[in-house]
Amino acid sequence: ESGGGLVQAGGSLRLSCAASGRTFGL
């Protein structure tokens, strides 16, 4: 995961999650 942090109320954030290794059949 990535993208976490500190933000003020009412603000926005976008988190990302990169998958690697065996992903066939996910």
mmCIF file of all heavy atoms, coordinates in Angstrom:
data_MODEL
# 
_entry.id   MODEL 
# 
loop_
_atom_site.group_PDB 
_atom_site.id 
_atom_site.type_symbol 
_atom_site.label_atom_id 
_atom_site.label_alt_id 
_atom_site.label_comp_id 
_atom_site.label_asym_id 
_atom_site.label_entity_id 
_atom_site.label_seq_id 
_atom_site.pdbx_PDB_ins_code 
_atom_site.Cartn_x 
_atom_site.Cartn_y 
_atom_site.Cartn_z 
_atom_site.occupancy 
_atom_site.B_iso_or_equiv 
_atom_site.pdbx_formal_charge 
_atom_site.auth_seq_id 
_atom_site.auth_comp_id 
_atom_site.auth_asym_id 
_atom_site.auth_atom_id 
_atom_site.pdbx_PDB_model_num 
ATOM 1   N N   . GLU A 1 1  ? 0.826   -1.201  0.000   1.00 0.00 ? 1  GLU A N   1 
ATOM 2   C CA  . GLU A 1 1  ? 0.000   0.000   0.000   1.00 0.00 ? 1  GLU A CA  1 
ATOM 3   C C   . GLU A 1 1  ? 0.865   1.257   0.000   1.00 0.00 ? 1  GLU A C   1 
ATOM 4   O O   . GLU A 1 1  ? 1.998   1.245   0.482   1.00 0.00 ? 1  GLU A O   1 
ATOM 5   C CB  . GLU A 1 1  ? -0.920  0.032   1.228   1.00 0.00 ? 1  GLU A CB  1 
ATOM 6   C CG  . GLU A 1 1  ? -1.801  -1.195  1.397   1.00 0.00 ? 1  GLU A CG  1 
ATOM 7   C CD  . GLU A 1 1  ? -1.220  -2.198  2.370   1.00 0.00 ? 1  GLU A CD  1 
ATOM 8   O OE1 . GLU A 1 1  ? 0.026   -2.245  2.516   1.00 0.00 ? 1  GLU A OE1 1 
ATOM 9   O OE2 . GLU A 1 1  ? -2.005  -2.937  2.997   1.00 0.00 ? 1  GLU A OE2 1 
ATOM 10  N N   . SER A 1 2  ? 0.291   2.348   -0.494  1.00 0.00 ? 2  SER A N   1 
ATOM 11  C CA  . SER A 1 2  ? 0.927   3.651   -0.445  1.00 0.00 ? 2  SER A CA  1 
ATOM 12  C C   . SER A 1 2  ? -0.145  4.732   -0.499  1.00 0.00 ? 2  SER A C   1 
ATOM 13  O O   . SER A 1 2  ? -1.289  4.461   -0.859  1.00 0.00 ? 2  SER A O   1 
ATOM 14  C CB  . SER A 1 2  ? 1.922   3.833   -1.594  1.00 0.00 ? 2  SER A CB  1 
ATOM 15  O OG  . SER A 1 2  ? 1.270   3.775   -2.848  1.00 0.00 ? 2  SER A OG  1 
ATOM 16  N N   . GLY A 1 3  ? 0.227   5.959   -0.141  1.00 0.00 ? 3  GLY A N   1 
ATOM 17  C CA  . GLY A 1 3  ? -0.675  7.089   -0.256  1.00 0.00 ? 3  GLY A CA  1 
ATOM 18  C C   . GLY A 1 3  ? -1.238  7.618   1.040   1.00 0.00 ? 3  GLY A C   1 
ATOM 19  O O   . GLY A 1 3  ? -1.948  8.627   1.036   1.00 0.00 ? 3  GLY A O   1 
ATOM 20  N N   . GLY A 1 4  ? -0.962  6.965   2.152   1.00 0.00 ? 4  GLY A N   1 
ATOM 21  C CA  . GLY A 1 4  ? -1.458  7.444   3.426   1.00 0.00 ? 4  GLY A CA  1 
ATOM 22  C C   . GLY A 1 4  ? -0.744  8.712   3.859   1.00 0.00 ? 4  GLY A C   1 
ATOM 23  O O   . GLY A 1 4  ? 0.288   9.080   3.311   1.00 0.00 ? 4  GLY A O   1 
ATOM 24  N N   . GLY A 1 5  ? -1.307  9.389   4.852   1.00 0.00 ? 5  GLY A N   1 
ATOM 25  C CA  . GLY A 1 5  ? -0.707  10.612  5.350   1.00 0.00 ? 5  GLY A CA  1 
ATOM 26  C C   . GLY A 1 5  ? -1.660  11.388  6.216   1.00 0.00 ? 5  GLY A C   1 
ATOM 27  O O   . GLY A 1 5  ? -2.684  10.875  6.668   1.00 0.00 ? 5  GLY A O   1 
ATOM 28  N N   . LEU A 1 6  ? -1.309  12.649  6.456   1.00 0.00 ? 6  LEU A N   1 
ATOM 29  C CA  . LEU A 1 6  ? -2.101  13.559  7.283   1.00 0.00 ? 6  LEU A CA  1 
ATOM 30  C C   . LEU A 1 6  ? -2.894  14.498  6.392   1.00 0.00 ? 6  LEU A C   1 
ATOM 31  O O   . LEU A 1 6  ? -2.341  15.105  5.475   1.00 0.00 ? 6  LEU A O   1 
ATOM 32  C CB  . LEU A 1 6  ? -1.186  14.355  8.211   1.00 0.00 ? 6  LEU A CB  1 
ATOM 33  C CG  . LEU A 1 6  ? -1.836  15.440  9.070   1.00 0.00 ? 6  LEU A CG  1 
ATOM 34  C CD1 . LEU A 1 6  ? -2.809  14.813  10.061  1.00 0.00 ? 6  LEU A CD1 1 
ATOM 35  C CD2 . LEU A 1 6  ? -0.763  16.244  9.789   1.00 0.00 ? 6  LEU A CD2 1 
ATOM 36  N N   . VAL A 1 7  ? -4.187  14.636  6.676   1.00 0.00 ? 7  VAL A N   1 
ATOM 37  C CA  . VAL A 1 7  ? -5.053  15.506  5.894   1.00 0.00 ? 7  VAL A CA  1 
ATOM 38  C C   . VAL A 1 7  ? -6.068  16.164  6.820   1.00 0.00 ? 7  VAL A C   1 
ATOM 39  O O   . VAL A 1 7  ? -6.441  15.599  7.848   1.00 0.00 ? 7  VAL A O   1 
ATOM 40  C CB  . VAL A 1 7  ? -5.759  14.710  4.768   1.00 0.00 ? 7  VAL A CB  1 
ATOM 41  C CG1 . VAL A 1 7  ? -6.716  13.676  5.355   1.00 0.00 ? 7  VAL A CG1 1 
ATOM 42  C CG2 . VAL A 1 7  ? -6.487  15.638  3.813   1.00 0.00 ? 7  VAL A CG2 1 
ATOM 43  N N   . GLN A 1 8  ? -6.505  17.369  6.474   1.00 0.00 ? 8  GLN A N   1 
ATOM 44  C CA  . GLN A 1 8  ? -7.516  18.073  7.254   1.00 0.00 ? 8  GLN A CA  1 
ATOM 45  C C   . GLN A 1 8  ? -8.903  17.514  6.966   1.00 0.00 ? 8  GLN A C   1 
ATOM 46  O O   . GLN A 1 8  ? -9.162  16.978  5.888   1.00 0.00 ? 8  GLN A O   1 
ATOM 47  C CB  . GLN A 1 8  ? -7.511  19.566  6.932   1.00 0.00 ? 8  GLN A CB  1 
ATOM 48  C CG  . GLN A 1 8  ? -6.247  20.294  7.309   1.00 0.00 ? 8  GLN A CG  1 
ATOM 49  C CD  . GLN A 1 8  ? -6.345  21.782  7.045   1.00 0.00 ? 8  GLN A CD  1 
ATOM 50  O OE1 . GLN A 1 8  ? -6.205  22.595  7.963   1.00 0.00 ? 8  GLN A OE1 1 
ATOM 51  N NE2 . GLN A 1 8  ? -6.598  22.150  5.801   1.00 0.00 ? 8  GLN A NE2 1 
ATOM 52  N N   . ALA A 1 9  ? -9.796  17.636  7.931   1.00 0.00 ? 9  ALA A N   1 
ATOM 53  C CA  . ALA A 1 9  ? -11.181 17.226  7.729   1.00 0.00 ? 9  ALA A CA  1 
ATOM 54  C C   . ALA A 1 9  ? -11.757 17.919  6.503   1.00 0.00 ? 9  ALA A C   1 
ATOM 55  O O   . ALA A 1 9  ? -11.552 19.116  6.298   1.00 0.00 ? 9  ALA A O   1 
ATOM 56  C CB  . ALA A 1 9  ? -12.014 17.546  8.962   1.00 0.00 ? 9  ALA A CB  1 
ATOM 57  N N   . GLY A 1 10 ? -12.469 17.156  5.686   1.00 0.00 ? 10 GLY A N   1 
ATOM 58  C CA  . GLY A 1 10 ? -13.023 17.671  4.446   1.00 0.00 ? 10 GLY A CA  1 
ATOM 59  C C   . GLY A 1 10 ? -12.116 17.486  3.249   1.00 0.00 ? 10 GLY A C   1 
ATOM 60  O O   . GLY A 1 10 ? -12.559 17.687  2.108   1.00 0.00 ? 10 GLY A O   1 
ATOM 61  N N   . GLY A 1 11 ? -10.882 17.091  3.480   1.00 0.00 ? 11 GLY A N   1 
ATOM 62  C CA  . GLY A 1 11 ? -9.926  16.894  2.410   1.00 0.00 ? 11 GLY A CA  1 
ATOM 63  C C   . GLY A 1 11 ? -10.023 15.527  1.774   1.00 0.00 ? 11 GLY A C   1 
ATOM 64  O O   . GLY A 1 11 ? -10.908 14.731  2.086   1.00 0.00 ? 11 GLY A O   1 
ATOM 65  N N   . SER A 1 12 ? -9.067  15.244  0.875   1.00 0.00 ? 12 SER A N   1 
ATOM 66  C CA  . SER A 1 12 ? -9.073  14.001  0.105   1.00 0.00 ? 12 SER A CA  1 
ATOM 67  C C   . SER A 1 12 ? -7.706  13.348  0.097   1.00 0.00 ? 12 SER A C   1 
ATOM 68  O O   . SER A 1 12 ? -6.677  14.011  0.210   1.00 0.00 ? 12 SER A O   1 
ATOM 69  C CB  . SER A 1 12 ? -9.497  14.269  -1.341  1.00 0.00 ? 12 SER A CB  1 
ATOM 70  O OG  . SER A 1 12 ? -10.802 14.813  -1.421  1.00 0.00 ? 12 SER A OG  1 
ATOM 71  N N   . LEU A 1 13 ? -7.707  12.027  -0.057  1.00 0.00 ? 13 LEU A N   1 
ATOM 72  C CA  . LEU A 1 13 ? -6.505  11.232  -0.247  1.00 0.00 ? 13 LEU A CA  1 
ATOM 73  C C   . LEU A 1 13 ? -6.828  10.097  -1.201  1.00 0.00 ? 13 LEU A C   1 
ATOM 74  O O   . LEU A 1 13 ? -7.980  9.650   -1.264  1.00 0.00 ? 13 LEU A O   1 
ATOM 75  C CB  . LEU A 1 13 ? -5.994  10.636  1.064   1.00 0.00 ? 13 LEU A CB  1 
ATOM 76  C CG  . LEU A 1 13 ? -5.216  11.517  2.034   1.00 0.00 ? 13 LEU A CG  1 
ATOM 77  C CD1 . LEU A 1 13 ? -4.924  10.726  3.311   1.00 0.00 ? 13 LEU A CD1 1 
ATOM 78  C CD2 . LEU A 1 13 ? -3.925  12.001  1.411   1.00 0.00 ? 13 LEU A CD2 1 
ATOM 79  N N   . ARG A 1 14 ? -5.825  9.620   -1.930  1.00 0.00 ? 14 ARG A N   1 
ATOM 80  C CA  . ARG A 1 14 ? -5.989  8.436   -2.756  1.00 0.00 ? 14 ARG A CA  1 
ATOM 81  C C   . ARG A 1 14 ? -4.955  7.395   -2.360  1.00 0.00 ? 14 ARG A C   1 
ATOM 82  O O   . ARG A 1 14 ? -3.747  7.634   -2.450  1.00 0.00 ? 14 ARG A O   1 
ATOM 83  C CB  . ARG A 1 14 ? -5.852  8.741   -4.253  1.00 0.00 ? 14 ARG A CB  1 
ATOM 84  C CG  . ARG A 1 14 ? -6.250  7.538   -5.123  1.00 0.00 ? 14 ARG A CG  1 
ATOM 85  C CD  . ARG A 1 14 ? -6.222  7.818   -6.603  1.00 0.00 ? 14 ARG A CD  1 
ATOM 86  N NE  . ARG A 1 14 ? -4.880  7.784   -7.151  1.00 0.00 ? 14 ARG A NE  1 
ATOM 87  C CZ  . ARG A 1 14 ? -4.594  7.506   -8.423  1.00 0.00 ? 14 ARG A CZ  1 
ATOM 88  N NH1 . ARG A 1 14 ? -5.589  7.244   -9.274  1.00 0.00 ? 14 ARG A NH1 1 
ATOM 89  N NH2 . ARG A 1 14 ? -3.348  7.515   -8.837  1.00 0.00 ? 14 ARG A NH2 1 
ATOM 90  N N   . LEU A 1 15 ? -5.433  6.242   -1.922  1.00 0.00 ? 15 LEU A N   1 
ATOM 91  C CA  . LEU A 1 15 ? -4.570  5.129   -1.569  1.00 0.00 ? 15 LEU A CA  1 
ATOM 92  C C   . LEU A 1 15 ? -4.378  4.214   -2.771  1.00 0.00 ? 15 LEU A C   1 
ATOM 93  O O   . LEU A 1 15 ? -5.282  4.047   -3.589  1.00 0.00 ? 15 LEU A O   1 
ATOM 94  C CB  . LEU A 1 15 ? -5.167  4.322   -0.415  1.00 0.00 ? 15 LEU A CB  1 
ATOM 95  C CG  . LEU A 1 15 ? -5.525  5.088   0.861   1.00 0.00 ? 15 LEU A CG  1 
ATOM 96  C CD1 . LEU A 1 15 ? -6.049  4.115   1.914   1.00 0.00 ? 15 LEU A CD1 1 
ATOM 97  C CD2 . LEU A 1 15 ? -4.331  5.869   1.379   1.00 0.00 ? 15 LEU A CD2 1 
ATOM 98  N N   . SER A 1 16 ? -3.191  3.618   -2.866  1.00 0.00 ? 16 SER A N   1 
ATOM 99  C CA  . SER A 1 16 ? -2.886  2.673   -3.928  1.00 0.00 ? 16 SER A CA  1 
ATOM 100 C C   . SER A 1 16 ? -2.409  1.362   -3.319  1.00 0.00 ? 16 SER A C   1 
ATOM 101 O O   . SER A 1 16 ? -1.782  1.355   -2.256  1.00 0.00 ? 16 SER A O   1 
ATOM 102 C CB  . SER A 1 16 ? -1.804  3.219   -4.860  1.00 0.00 ? 16 SER A CB  1 
ATOM 103 O OG  . SER A 1 16 ? -2.210  4.410   -5.484  1.00 0.00 ? 16 SER A OG  1 
ATOM 104 N N   . CYS A 1 17 ? -2.692  0.263   -4.003  1.00 0.00 ? 17 CYS A N   1 
ATOM 105 C CA  . CYS A 1 17 ? -2.222  -1.053  -3.587  1.00 0.00 ? 17 CYS A CA  1 
ATOM 106 C C   . CYS A 1 17 ? -1.749  -1.803  -4.817  1.00 0.00 ? 17 CYS A C   1 
ATOM 107 O O   . CYS A 1 17 ? -2.554  -2.123  -5.700  1.00 0.00 ? 17 CYS A O   1 
ATOM 108 C CB  . CYS A 1 17 ? -3.329  -1.828  -2.874  1.00 0.00 ? 17 CYS A CB  1 
ATOM 109 S SG  . CYS A 1 17 ? -2.864  -3.514  -2.413  1.00 0.00 ? 17 CYS A SG  1 
ATOM 110 N N   . ALA A 1 18 ? -0.455  -2.078  -4.882  1.00 0.00 ? 18 ALA A N   1 
ATOM 111 C CA  . ALA A 1 18 ? 0.133   -2.787  -6.003  1.00 0.00 ? 18 ALA A CA  1 
ATOM 112 C C   . ALA A 1 18 ? 0.311   -4.264  -5.661  1.00 0.00 ? 18 ALA A C   1 
ATOM 113 O O   . ALA A 1 18 ? 0.894   -4.598  -4.628  1.00 0.00 ? 18 ALA A O   1 
ATOM 114 C CB  . ALA A 1 18 ? 1.477   -2.171  -6.371  1.00 0.00 ? 18 ALA A CB  1 
ATOM 115 N N   . ALA A 1 19 ? -0.194  -5.129  -6.522  1.00 0.00 ? 19 ALA A N   1 
ATOM 116 C CA  . ALA A 1 19 ? -0.071  -6.573  -6.341  1.00 0.00 ? 19 ALA A CA  1 
ATOM 117 C C   . ALA A 1 19 ? 1.037   -7.114  -7.238  1.00 0.00 ? 19 ALA A C   1 
ATOM 118 O O   . ALA A 1 19 ? 1.148   -6.735  -8.402  1.00 0.00 ? 19 ALA A O   1 
ATOM 119 C CB  . ALA A 1 19 ? -1.387  -7.271  -6.660  1.00 0.00 ? 19 ALA A CB  1 
ATOM 120 N N   . SER A 1 20 ? 1.846   -8.011  -6.694  1.00 0.00 ? 20 SER A N   1 
ATOM 121 C CA  . SER A 1 20 ? 2.918   -8.640  -7.460  1.00 0.00 ? 20 SER A CA  1 
ATOM 122 C C   . SER A 1 20 ? 2.979   -10.124 -7.123  1.00 0.00 ? 20 SER A C   1 
ATOM 123 O O   . SER A 1 20 ? 2.310   -10.596 -6.213  1.00 0.00 ? 20 SER A O   1 
ATOM 124 C CB  . SER A 1 20 ? 4.263   -7.967  -7.183  1.00 0.00 ? 20 SER A CB  1 
ATOM 125 O OG  . SER A 1 20 ? 4.609   -8.078  -5.811  1.00 0.00 ? 20 SER A OG  1 
ATOM 126 N N   . GLY A 1 21 ? 3.814   -10.866 -7.867  1.00 0.00 ? 21 GLY A N   1 
ATOM 127 C CA  . GLY A 1 21 ? 3.882   -12.302 -7.684  1.00 0.00 ? 21 GLY A CA  1 
ATOM 128 C C   . GLY A 1 21 ? 2.791   -12.986 -8.482  1.00 0.00 ? 21 GLY A C   1 
ATOM 129 O O   . GLY A 1 21 ? 2.490   -12.592 -9.607  1.00 0.00 ? 21 GLY A O   1 
ATOM 130 N N   . ARG A 1 22 ? 2.161   -14.005 -7.888  1.00 0.00 ? 22 ARG A N   1 
ATOM 131 C CA  . ARG A 1 22 ? 1.103   -14.734 -8.570  1.00 0.00 ? 22 ARG A CA  1 
ATOM 132 C C   . ARG A 1 22 ? -0.198  -13.954 -8.505  1.00 0.00 ? 22 ARG A C   1 
ATOM 133 O O   . ARG A 1 22 ? -0.781  -13.817 -7.428  1.00 0.00 ? 22 ARG A O   1 
ATOM 134 C CB  . ARG A 1 22 ? 0.906   -16.118 -7.966  1.00 0.00 ? 22 ARG A CB  1 
ATOM 135 C CG  . ARG A 1 22 ? -0.211  -16.907 -8.642  1.00 0.00 ? 22 ARG A CG  1 
ATOM 136 C CD  . ARG A 1 22 ? -0.533  -18.201 -7.905  1.00 0.00 ? 22 ARG A CD  1 
ATOM 137 N NE  . ARG A 1 22 ? -1.637  -18.905 -8.549  1.00 0.00 ? 22 ARG A NE  1 
ATOM 138 C CZ  . ARG A 1 22 ? -2.926  -18.706 -8.294  1.00 0.00 ? 22 ARG A CZ  1 
ATOM 139 N NH1 . ARG A 1 22 ? -3.276  -17.806 -7.381  1.00 0.00 ? 22 ARG A NH1 1 
ATOM 140 N NH2 . ARG A 1 22 ? -3.856  -19.392 -8.933  1.00 0.00 ? 22 ARG A NH2 1 
ATOM 141 N N   . THR A 1 23 ? -0.658  -13.442 -9.636  1.00 0.00 ? 23 THR A N   1 
ATOM 142 C CA  . THR A 1 23 ? -1.918  -12.719 -9.705  1.00 0.00 ? 23 THR A CA  1 
ATOM 143 C C   . THR A 1 23 ? -2.931  -13.387 -10.626 1.00 0.00 ? 23 THR A C   1 
ATOM 144 O O   . THR A 1 23 ? -4.084  -12.953 -10.675 1.00 0.00 ? 23 THR A O   1 
ATOM 145 C CB  . THR A 1 23 ? -1.706  -11.270 -10.172 1.00 0.00 ? 23 THR A CB  1 
ATOM 146 O OG1 . THR A 1 23 ? -1.078  -11.268 -11.452 1.00 0.00 ? 23 THR A OG1 1 
ATOM 147 C CG2 . THR A 1 23 ? -0.843  -10.509 -9.176  1.00 0.00 ? 23 THR A CG2 1 
ATOM 148 N N   . PHE A 1 24 ? -2.532  -14.427 -11.348 1.00 0.00 ? 24 PHE A N   1 
ATOM 149 C CA  . PHE A 1 24 ? -3.456  -15.128 -12.231 1.00 0.00 ? 24 PHE A CA  1 
ATOM 150 C C   . PHE A 1 24 ? -4.575  -15.763 -11.408 1.00 0.00 ? 24 PHE A C   1 
ATOM 151 O O   . PHE A 1 24 ? -4.316  -16.439 -10.419 1.00 0.00 ? 24 PHE A O   1 
ATOM 152 C CB  . PHE A 1 24 ? -2.735  -16.197 -13.046 1.00 0.00 ? 24 PHE A CB  1 
ATOM 153 C CG  . PHE A 1 24 ? -3.632  -16.952 -13.991 1.00 0.00 ? 24 PHE A CG  1 
ATOM 154 C CD1 . PHE A 1 24 ? -3.999  -16.397 -15.199 1.00 0.00 ? 24 PHE A CD1 1 
ATOM 155 C CD2 . PHE A 1 24 ? -4.110  -18.208 -13.665 1.00 0.00 ? 24 PHE A CD2 1 
ATOM 156 C CE1 . PHE A 1 24 ? -4.837  -17.082 -16.077 1.00 0.00 ? 24 PHE A CE1 1 
ATOM 157 C CE2 . PHE A 1 24 ? -4.945  -18.902 -14.527 1.00 0.00 ? 24 PHE A CE2 1 
ATOM 158 C CZ  . PHE A 1 24 ? -5.308  -18.327 -15.740 1.00 0.00 ? 24 PHE A CZ  1 
ATOM 159 N N   . GLY A 1 25 ? -5.798  -15.544 -11.827 1.00 0.00 ? 25 GLY A N   1 
ATOM 160 C CA  . GLY A 1 25 ? -6.943  -16.078 -11.116 1.00 0.00 ? 25 GLY A CA  1 
ATOM 161 C C   . GLY A 1 25 ? -7.426  -15.229 -9.957  1.00 0.00 ? 25 GLY A C   1 
ATOM 162 O O   . GLY A 1 25 ? -8.310  -15.661 -9.214  1.00 0.00 ? 25 GLY A O   1 
ATOM 163 N N   . LEU A 1 26 ? -6.868  -14.030 -9.794  1.00 0.00 ? 26 LEU A N   1 
ATOM 164 C CA  . LEU A 1 26 ? -7.296  -13.133 -8.731  1.00 0.00 ? 26 LEU A CA  1 
ATOM 165 C C   . LEU A 1 26 ? -8.785  -12.830 -8.874  1.00 0.00 ? 26 LEU A C   1 
ATOM 166 O O   . LEU A 1 26 ? -9.240  -12.434 -9.943  1.00 0.00 ? 26 LEU A O   1 
ATOM 167 C CB  . LEU A 1 26 ? -6.477  -11.850 -8.775  1.00 0.00 ? 26 LEU A CB  1 
ATOM 168 C CG  . LEU A 1 26 ? -6.744  -10.807 -7.692  1.00 0.00 ? 26 LEU A CG  1 
ATOM 169 C CD1 . LEU A 1 26 ? -6.377  -11.357 -6.320  1.00 0.00 ? 26 LEU A CD1 1 
ATOM 170 C CD2 . LEU A 1 26 ? -5.963  -9.535  -7.984  1.00 0.00 ? 26 LEU A CD2 1 
# 
